[in-house]
Amino acid sequence: MIRLNVMVFFMLVFISACSLTTPQTVDSQVSQTITDAELKLNKLIENKTCDGSFQCKVLPVGQQPCGEPSRYVVYSNKHASTEQAERMAADVTEFEKIYNQQAPALAGCQSISIPQALCLENTCQVYKLNTQ
């Protein structure tokens, strides 16, 4: 009888622990995972020095609820492995996809144009036309 009571007690503890995971907890856990993945990607691509525009690359990162990229990053493959940068960007995108599935869409989809990356003053930069 005591053994049965102990088993019931542990089952109740286990069930109540499972119910402690709320949608907000899951959202904050996924948000933290996204932040951590973004920090790793930004650390990898922080050195944007280049010798020519052929070393400047653009990567889509993240995913809006509609499926479009959240943003684009410019980096230099002189200092960052393209494969590693693409893998880290894919990680951020996957985490944002999970977040979007768990959280209701709060906003529509923003159209973000793909930037042009050029080596200007030995630094990979987004090139914008001066249109007036």
N, C-alpha and C. Protein backbone atom coordinates (compact mmCIF):
# COMPACT_ATOMS: atom_id res chain seq x y z
N MET A 1 0.82 -1.19 0.00
CA MET A 1 0.00 0.00 0.00
C MET A 1 0.87 1.26 0.00
N ILE A 2 1.93 1.26 0.81
CA ILE A 2 2.84 2.41 0.85
C ILE A 2 3.52 2.58 -0.50
N ARG A 3 3.89 1.46 -1.10
CA ARG A 3 4.55 1.51 -2.40
C ARG A 3 3.63 2.13 -3.45
N LEU A 4 2.35 1.80 -3.42
CA LEU A 4 1.37 2.35 -4.35
C LEU A 4 1.21 3.85 -4.13
N ASN A 5 1.18 4.28 -2.88
CA ASN A 5 1.06 5.70 -2.57
C ASN A 5 2.28 6.48 -3.06
N VAL A 6 3.46 5.92 -2.91
CA VAL A 6 4.68 6.56 -3.38
C VAL A 6 4.65 6.70 -4.90
N MET A 7 4.19 5.65 -5.60
CA MET A 7 4.10 5.71 -7.06
C MET A 7 3.09 6.77 -7.49
N VAL A 8 1.96 6.84 -6.83
CA VAL A 8 0.94 7.84 -7.17
C VAL A 8 1.51 9.24 -6.91
N PHE A 9 2.21 9.42 -5.81
CA PHE A 9 2.82 10.71 -5.50
C PHE A 9 3.77 11.16 -6.61
N PHE A 10 4.67 10.28 -7.04
CA PHE A 10 5.63 10.63 -8.08
C PHE A 10 4.94 10.88 -9.43
N MET A 11 3.88 10.16 -9.70
CA MET A 11 3.14 10.40 -10.93
C MET A 11 2.50 11.78 -10.91
N LEU A 12 1.94 12.18 -9.75
CA LEU A 12 1.33 13.50 -9.64
C LEU A 12 2.38 14.60 -9.77
N VAL A 13 3.55 14.40 -9.18
CA VAL A 13 4.63 15.37 -9.29
C VAL A 13 5.06 15.50 -10.75
N PHE A 14 5.19 14.39 -11.45
CA PHE A 14 5.59 14.40 -12.86
C PHE A 14 4.55 15.13 -13.71
N ILE A 15 3.28 14.83 -13.49
CA ILE A 15 2.21 15.47 -14.27
C ILE A 15 2.17 16.96 -14.00
N SER A 16 2.31 17.38 -12.75
CA SER A 16 2.28 18.81 -12.46
C SER A 16 3.51 19.52 -13.02
N ALA A 17 4.65 18.86 -13.07
CA ALA A 17 5.84 19.46 -13.66
C ALA A 17 5.65 19.66 -15.15
N CYS A 18 4.99 18.74 -15.81
CA CYS A 18 4.74 18.88 -17.24
C CYS A 18 3.83 20.07 -17.51
N SER A 19 2.88 20.33 -16.63
CA SER A 19 1.95 21.42 -16.87
C SER A 19 2.59 22.78 -16.61
N LEU A 20 3.79 22.83 -16.02
CA LEU A 20 4.47 24.09 -15.78
C LEU A 20 5.01 24.71 -17.06
N THR A 21 5.12 23.94 -18.11
CA THR A 21 5.62 24.46 -19.38
C THR A 21 4.47 25.11 -20.12
N THR A 22 4.41 26.43 -20.04
CA THR A 22 3.35 27.19 -20.68
C THR A 22 3.81 27.65 -22.05
N PRO A 23 2.87 28.12 -22.89
CA PRO A 23 3.29 28.66 -24.19
C PRO A 23 4.28 29.81 -24.04
N GLN A 24 4.10 30.65 -22.98
CA GLN A 24 5.03 31.76 -22.80
C GLN A 24 6.43 31.24 -22.48
N THR A 25 6.51 30.15 -21.70
CA THR A 25 7.81 29.56 -21.38
C THR A 25 8.47 29.04 -22.64
N VAL A 26 7.69 28.35 -23.47
CA VAL A 26 8.23 27.82 -24.72
C VAL A 26 8.68 28.96 -25.61
N ASP A 27 7.84 30.03 -25.74
CA ASP A 27 8.19 31.18 -26.56
C ASP A 27 9.49 31.82 -26.08
N SER A 28 9.65 31.98 -24.77
CA SER A 28 10.86 32.62 -24.26
C SER A 28 12.08 31.71 -24.45
N GLN A 29 11.87 30.40 -24.36
CA GLN A 29 12.99 29.47 -24.61
C GLN A 29 13.42 29.54 -26.06
N VAL A 30 12.47 29.55 -26.98
CA VAL A 30 12.80 29.63 -28.40
C VAL A 30 13.41 30.99 -28.71
N SER A 31 12.88 32.06 -28.11
CA SER A 31 13.44 33.40 -28.32
C SER A 31 14.90 33.45 -27.88
N GLN A 32 15.19 32.84 -26.74
CA GLN A 32 16.58 32.82 -26.25
C GLN A 32 17.46 32.01 -27.19
N THR A 33 16.95 30.92 -27.71
CA THR A 33 17.70 30.10 -28.66
C THR A 33 18.00 30.90 -29.93
N ILE A 34 17.00 31.66 -30.40
CA ILE A 34 17.20 32.51 -31.59
C ILE A 34 18.29 33.54 -31.29
N THR A 35 18.20 34.19 -30.15
CA THR A 35 19.19 35.21 -29.77
C THR A 35 20.59 34.61 -29.72
N ASP A 36 20.72 33.45 -29.11
CA ASP A 36 22.03 32.79 -29.02
C ASP A 36 22.58 32.45 -30.40
N ALA A 37 21.71 31.93 -31.28
CA ALA A 37 22.14 31.57 -32.63
C ALA A 37 22.55 32.82 -33.42
N GLU A 38 21.81 33.92 -33.25
CA GLU A 38 22.16 35.17 -33.93
C GLU A 38 23.50 35.71 -33.44
N LEU A 39 23.74 35.62 -32.13
CA LEU A 39 25.02 36.08 -31.58
C LEU A 39 26.19 35.29 -32.17
N LYS A 40 26.01 33.98 -32.31
CA LYS A 40 27.07 33.14 -32.90
C LYS A 40 27.32 33.53 -34.35
N LEU A 41 26.25 33.73 -35.11
CA LEU A 41 26.39 34.14 -36.51
C LEU A 41 27.07 35.49 -36.60
N ASN A 42 26.63 36.46 -35.80
CA ASN A 42 27.22 37.80 -35.84
C ASN A 42 28.70 37.78 -35.46
N LYS A 43 29.05 36.93 -34.52
CA LYS A 43 30.47 36.80 -34.12
C LYS A 43 31.29 36.25 -35.29
N LEU A 44 30.74 35.26 -35.99
CA LEU A 44 31.44 34.66 -37.13
C LEU A 44 31.68 35.68 -38.24
N ILE A 45 30.71 36.54 -38.51
CA ILE A 45 30.80 37.44 -39.67
C ILE A 45 31.18 38.87 -39.32
N GLU A 46 31.63 39.10 -38.09
CA GLU A 46 31.91 40.48 -37.67
C GLU A 46 33.07 41.13 -38.42
N ASN A 47 34.06 40.37 -38.86
CA ASN A 47 35.18 40.94 -39.61
C ASN A 47 34.78 41.01 -41.09
N LYS A 48 34.46 42.21 -41.54
CA LYS A 48 33.96 42.41 -42.90
C LYS A 48 35.03 42.96 -43.85
N THR A 49 36.31 42.88 -43.46
CA THR A 49 37.34 43.40 -44.34
C THR A 49 37.44 42.54 -45.60
N CYS A 50 37.80 43.20 -46.71
CA CYS A 50 37.85 42.52 -48.00
C CYS A 50 38.90 43.16 -48.89
N ASP A 51 39.29 42.42 -49.92
CA ASP A 51 40.21 42.92 -50.94
C ASP A 51 39.47 43.28 -52.22
N GLY A 52 38.29 42.69 -52.40
CA GLY A 52 37.48 42.94 -53.59
C GLY A 52 36.05 42.51 -53.34
N SER A 53 35.15 43.00 -54.16
CA SER A 53 33.72 42.71 -53.99
C SER A 53 33.39 41.23 -54.13
N PHE A 54 34.26 40.47 -54.80
CA PHE A 54 34.03 39.02 -54.94
C PHE A 54 34.03 38.32 -53.59
N GLN A 55 34.58 38.94 -52.55
CA GLN A 55 34.61 38.34 -51.22
C GLN A 55 33.39 38.72 -50.37
N CYS A 56 32.57 39.63 -50.86
CA CYS A 56 31.39 40.09 -50.12
C CYS A 56 30.18 39.26 -50.50
N LYS A 57 29.54 38.70 -49.50
CA LYS A 57 28.40 37.81 -49.71
C LYS A 57 27.19 38.32 -48.92
N VAL A 58 26.02 37.92 -49.38
CA VAL A 58 24.76 38.26 -48.74
C VAL A 58 24.04 36.97 -48.39
N LEU A 59 23.56 36.90 -47.16
CA LEU A 59 22.82 35.71 -46.70
C LEU A 59 21.44 36.10 -46.18
N PRO A 60 20.41 35.37 -46.59
CA PRO A 60 19.12 35.56 -45.94
C PRO A 60 19.16 34.90 -44.56
N VAL A 61 18.56 35.56 -43.57
CA VAL A 61 18.56 35.04 -42.20
C VAL A 61 17.16 35.17 -41.63
N GLY A 62 16.71 34.13 -40.96
CA GLY A 62 15.43 34.16 -40.29
C GLY A 62 14.27 33.91 -41.24
N GLN A 63 13.09 33.87 -40.66
CA GLN A 63 11.89 33.65 -41.46
C GLN A 63 10.71 34.38 -40.84
N GLN A 64 10.07 35.21 -41.63
CA GLN A 64 8.84 35.88 -41.22
C GLN A 64 7.70 34.85 -41.25
N PRO A 65 6.58 35.15 -40.59
CA PRO A 65 5.46 34.21 -40.60
C PRO A 65 5.00 33.81 -42.00
N CYS A 66 5.19 34.69 -42.98
CA CYS A 66 4.76 34.39 -44.35
C CYS A 66 5.78 33.54 -45.10
N GLY A 67 6.95 33.30 -44.51
CA GLY A 67 7.96 32.46 -45.15
C GLY A 67 9.11 33.23 -45.77
N GLU A 68 8.99 34.55 -45.90
CA GLU A 68 10.08 35.37 -46.44
C GLU A 68 11.17 35.55 -45.39
N PRO A 69 12.44 35.80 -45.83
CA PRO A 69 13.51 36.05 -44.85
C PRO A 69 13.19 37.26 -43.96
N SER A 70 13.66 37.20 -42.72
CA SER A 70 13.47 38.32 -41.79
C SER A 70 14.42 39.46 -42.10
N ARG A 71 15.58 39.10 -42.58
CA ARG A 71 16.63 40.11 -42.85
C ARG A 71 17.71 39.47 -43.69
N TYR A 72 18.64 40.30 -44.13
CA TYR A 72 19.82 39.84 -44.86
C TYR A 72 21.05 40.36 -44.13
N VAL A 73 22.10 39.56 -44.14
CA VAL A 73 23.37 40.01 -43.57
C VAL A 73 24.43 39.99 -44.66
N VAL A 74 25.36 40.92 -44.53
CA VAL A 74 26.49 41.02 -45.45
C VAL A 74 27.72 40.59 -44.68
N TYR A 75 28.55 39.77 -45.33
CA TYR A 75 29.78 39.32 -44.67
C TYR A 75 30.88 39.14 -45.71
N SER A 76 32.09 38.99 -45.20
CA SER A 76 33.26 38.76 -46.06
C SER A 76 33.69 37.30 -45.92
N ASN A 77 33.75 36.60 -47.05
CA ASN A 77 34.21 35.21 -46.96
C ASN A 77 35.74 35.12 -46.90
N LYS A 78 36.39 36.27 -46.82
CA LYS A 78 37.84 36.28 -46.59
C LYS A 78 38.14 35.80 -45.16
N HIS A 79 37.22 36.08 -44.25
CA HIS A 79 37.43 35.75 -42.84
C HIS A 79 36.43 34.77 -42.27
N ALA A 80 35.34 34.52 -42.98
CA ALA A 80 34.30 33.61 -42.49
C ALA A 80 34.03 32.55 -43.56
N SER A 81 33.99 31.32 -43.14
CA SER A 81 33.67 30.22 -44.04
C SER A 81 32.23 30.36 -44.53
N THR A 82 32.06 30.30 -45.84
CA THR A 82 30.72 30.38 -46.42
C THR A 82 29.84 29.26 -45.90
N GLU A 83 30.37 28.06 -45.84
CA GLU A 83 29.60 26.91 -45.37
C GLU A 83 29.14 27.11 -43.93
N GLN A 84 30.04 27.60 -43.09
CA GLN A 84 29.70 27.80 -41.68
C GLN A 84 28.68 28.93 -41.54
N ALA A 85 28.84 30.01 -42.28
CA ALA A 85 27.89 31.12 -42.22
C ALA A 85 26.51 30.67 -42.69
N GLU A 86 26.47 29.89 -43.78
CA GLU A 86 25.18 29.39 -44.28
C GLU A 86 24.52 28.46 -43.28
N ARG A 87 25.30 27.62 -42.62
CA ARG A 87 24.76 26.70 -41.63
C ARG A 87 24.19 27.46 -40.43
N MET A 88 24.92 28.48 -39.97
CA MET A 88 24.45 29.27 -38.83
C MET A 88 23.20 30.08 -39.20
N ALA A 89 23.17 30.61 -40.41
CA ALA A 89 21.98 31.35 -40.87
C ALA A 89 20.79 30.40 -40.97
N ALA A 90 21.03 29.17 -41.43
CA ALA A 90 19.96 28.17 -41.52
C ALA A 90 19.45 27.81 -40.13
N ASP A 91 20.33 27.78 -39.13
CA ASP A 91 19.92 27.51 -37.75
C ASP A 91 18.97 28.60 -37.25
N VAL A 92 19.35 29.86 -37.45
CA VAL A 92 18.50 30.97 -37.03
C VAL A 92 17.15 30.87 -37.73
N THR A 93 17.18 30.59 -39.03
CA THR A 93 15.95 30.47 -39.80
C THR A 93 15.06 29.36 -39.26
N GLU A 94 15.65 28.23 -38.95
CA GLU A 94 14.87 27.10 -38.42
C GLU A 94 14.25 27.44 -37.07
N PHE A 95 15.02 28.11 -36.20
CA PHE A 95 14.50 28.49 -34.89
C PHE A 95 13.36 29.51 -35.02
N GLU A 96 13.49 30.45 -35.96
CA GLU A 96 12.42 31.42 -36.17
C GLU A 96 11.18 30.74 -36.76
N LYS A 97 11.39 29.73 -37.59
CA LYS A 97 10.27 28.97 -38.15
C LYS A 97 9.50 28.28 -37.02
N ILE A 98 10.23 27.69 -36.08
CA ILE A 98 9.60 27.04 -34.92
C ILE A 98 8.84 28.07 -34.08
N TYR A 99 9.47 29.21 -33.86
CA TYR A 99 8.83 30.27 -33.09
C TYR A 99 7.53 30.71 -33.77
N ASN A 100 7.56 30.89 -35.08
CA ASN A 100 6.38 31.32 -35.82
C ASN A 100 5.25 30.30 -35.74
N GLN A 101 5.61 29.03 -35.66
CA GLN A 101 4.60 27.98 -35.55
C GLN A 101 3.94 27.98 -34.17
N GLN A 102 4.72 28.38 -33.14
CA GLN A 102 4.22 28.34 -31.77
C GLN A 102 3.51 29.63 -31.37
N ALA A 103 3.91 30.75 -31.96
CA ALA A 103 3.34 32.04 -31.60
C ALA A 103 2.45 32.52 -32.73
N PRO A 104 1.33 33.11 -32.39
CA PRO A 104 0.47 33.63 -33.45
C PRO A 104 1.16 34.79 -34.16
N ALA A 105 0.91 34.90 -35.45
CA ALA A 105 1.51 35.98 -36.24
C ALA A 105 0.99 37.32 -35.74
N LEU A 106 1.90 38.19 -35.35
CA LEU A 106 1.52 39.50 -34.84
C LEU A 106 1.51 40.55 -35.93
N ALA A 107 2.22 40.30 -36.99
CA ALA A 107 2.29 41.29 -38.06
C ALA A 107 2.30 40.57 -39.40
N GLY A 108 2.04 41.33 -40.42
CA GLY A 108 2.07 40.77 -41.76
C GLY A 108 3.49 40.56 -42.23
N CYS A 109 3.63 40.35 -43.48
CA CYS A 109 4.94 40.10 -44.07
C CYS A 109 5.51 41.38 -44.65
N GLN A 110 6.73 41.70 -44.28
CA GLN A 110 7.40 42.86 -44.84
C GLN A 110 8.24 42.43 -46.02
N SER A 111 8.12 43.16 -47.09
CA SER A 111 8.95 42.89 -48.26
C SER A 111 10.32 43.51 -48.03
N ILE A 112 11.33 42.67 -48.07
CA ILE A 112 12.70 43.14 -47.85
C ILE A 112 13.49 42.85 -49.12
N SER A 113 14.04 43.90 -49.71
CA SER A 113 14.80 43.67 -50.94
C SER A 113 16.18 43.11 -50.60
N ILE A 114 16.67 42.28 -51.50
CA ILE A 114 17.99 41.67 -51.31
C ILE A 114 19.04 42.76 -51.56
N PRO A 115 19.89 43.02 -50.58
CA PRO A 115 20.89 44.08 -50.75
C PRO A 115 22.03 43.66 -51.68
N GLN A 116 22.69 44.64 -52.21
CA GLN A 116 23.89 44.43 -53.01
C GLN A 116 25.09 44.67 -52.10
N ALA A 117 26.00 43.73 -52.02
CA ALA A 117 27.19 43.88 -51.17
C ALA A 117 28.40 44.19 -52.05
N LEU A 118 29.11 45.23 -51.68
CA LEU A 118 30.31 45.62 -52.39
C LEU A 118 31.44 45.86 -51.40
N CYS A 119 32.67 45.70 -51.88
CA CYS A 119 33.85 46.00 -51.07
C CYS A 119 34.17 47.48 -51.29
N LEU A 120 33.85 48.28 -50.31
CA LEU A 120 34.11 49.73 -50.37
C LEU A 120 35.04 50.08 -49.22
N GLU A 121 36.16 50.70 -49.54
CA GLU A 121 37.17 51.05 -48.54
C GLU A 121 37.60 49.82 -47.75
N ASN A 122 37.79 48.72 -48.46
CA ASN A 122 38.24 47.45 -47.90
C ASN A 122 37.31 46.87 -46.83
N THR A 123 36.02 47.16 -46.95
CA THR A 123 35.02 46.63 -46.04
C THR A 123 33.78 46.25 -46.83
N CYS A 124 33.27 45.05 -46.58
CA CYS A 124 32.02 44.64 -47.23
C CYS A 124 30.89 45.49 -46.67
N GLN A 125 30.18 46.15 -47.57
CA GLN A 125 29.11 47.05 -47.18
C GLN A 125 27.91 46.86 -48.10
N VAL A 126 26.76 47.28 -47.60
CA VAL A 126 25.56 47.30 -48.42
C VAL A 126 25.65 48.54 -49.29
N TYR A 127 25.51 48.34 -50.59
CA TYR A 127 25.58 49.45 -51.54
C TYR A 127 24.16 49.92 -51.84
N LYS A 128 23.93 51.20 -51.63
CA LYS A 128 22.63 51.80 -51.92
C LYS A 128 22.82 52.90 -52.94
N LEU A 129 21.96 52.92 -53.94
CA LEU A 129 21.98 53.99 -54.94
C LEU A 129 21.43 55.25 -54.32
N ASN A 130 22.04 56.37 -54.63
CA ASN A 130 21.51 57.65 -54.18
C ASN A 130 20.48 58.12 -55.18
N THR A 131 19.23 57.89 -54.88
CA THR A 131 18.15 58.33 -55.76
C THR A 131 17.42 59.47 -55.08
N GLN A 132 17.26 60.55 -55.80
CA GLN A 132 16.59 61.71 -55.20
C GLN A 132 15.40 62.11 -55.99
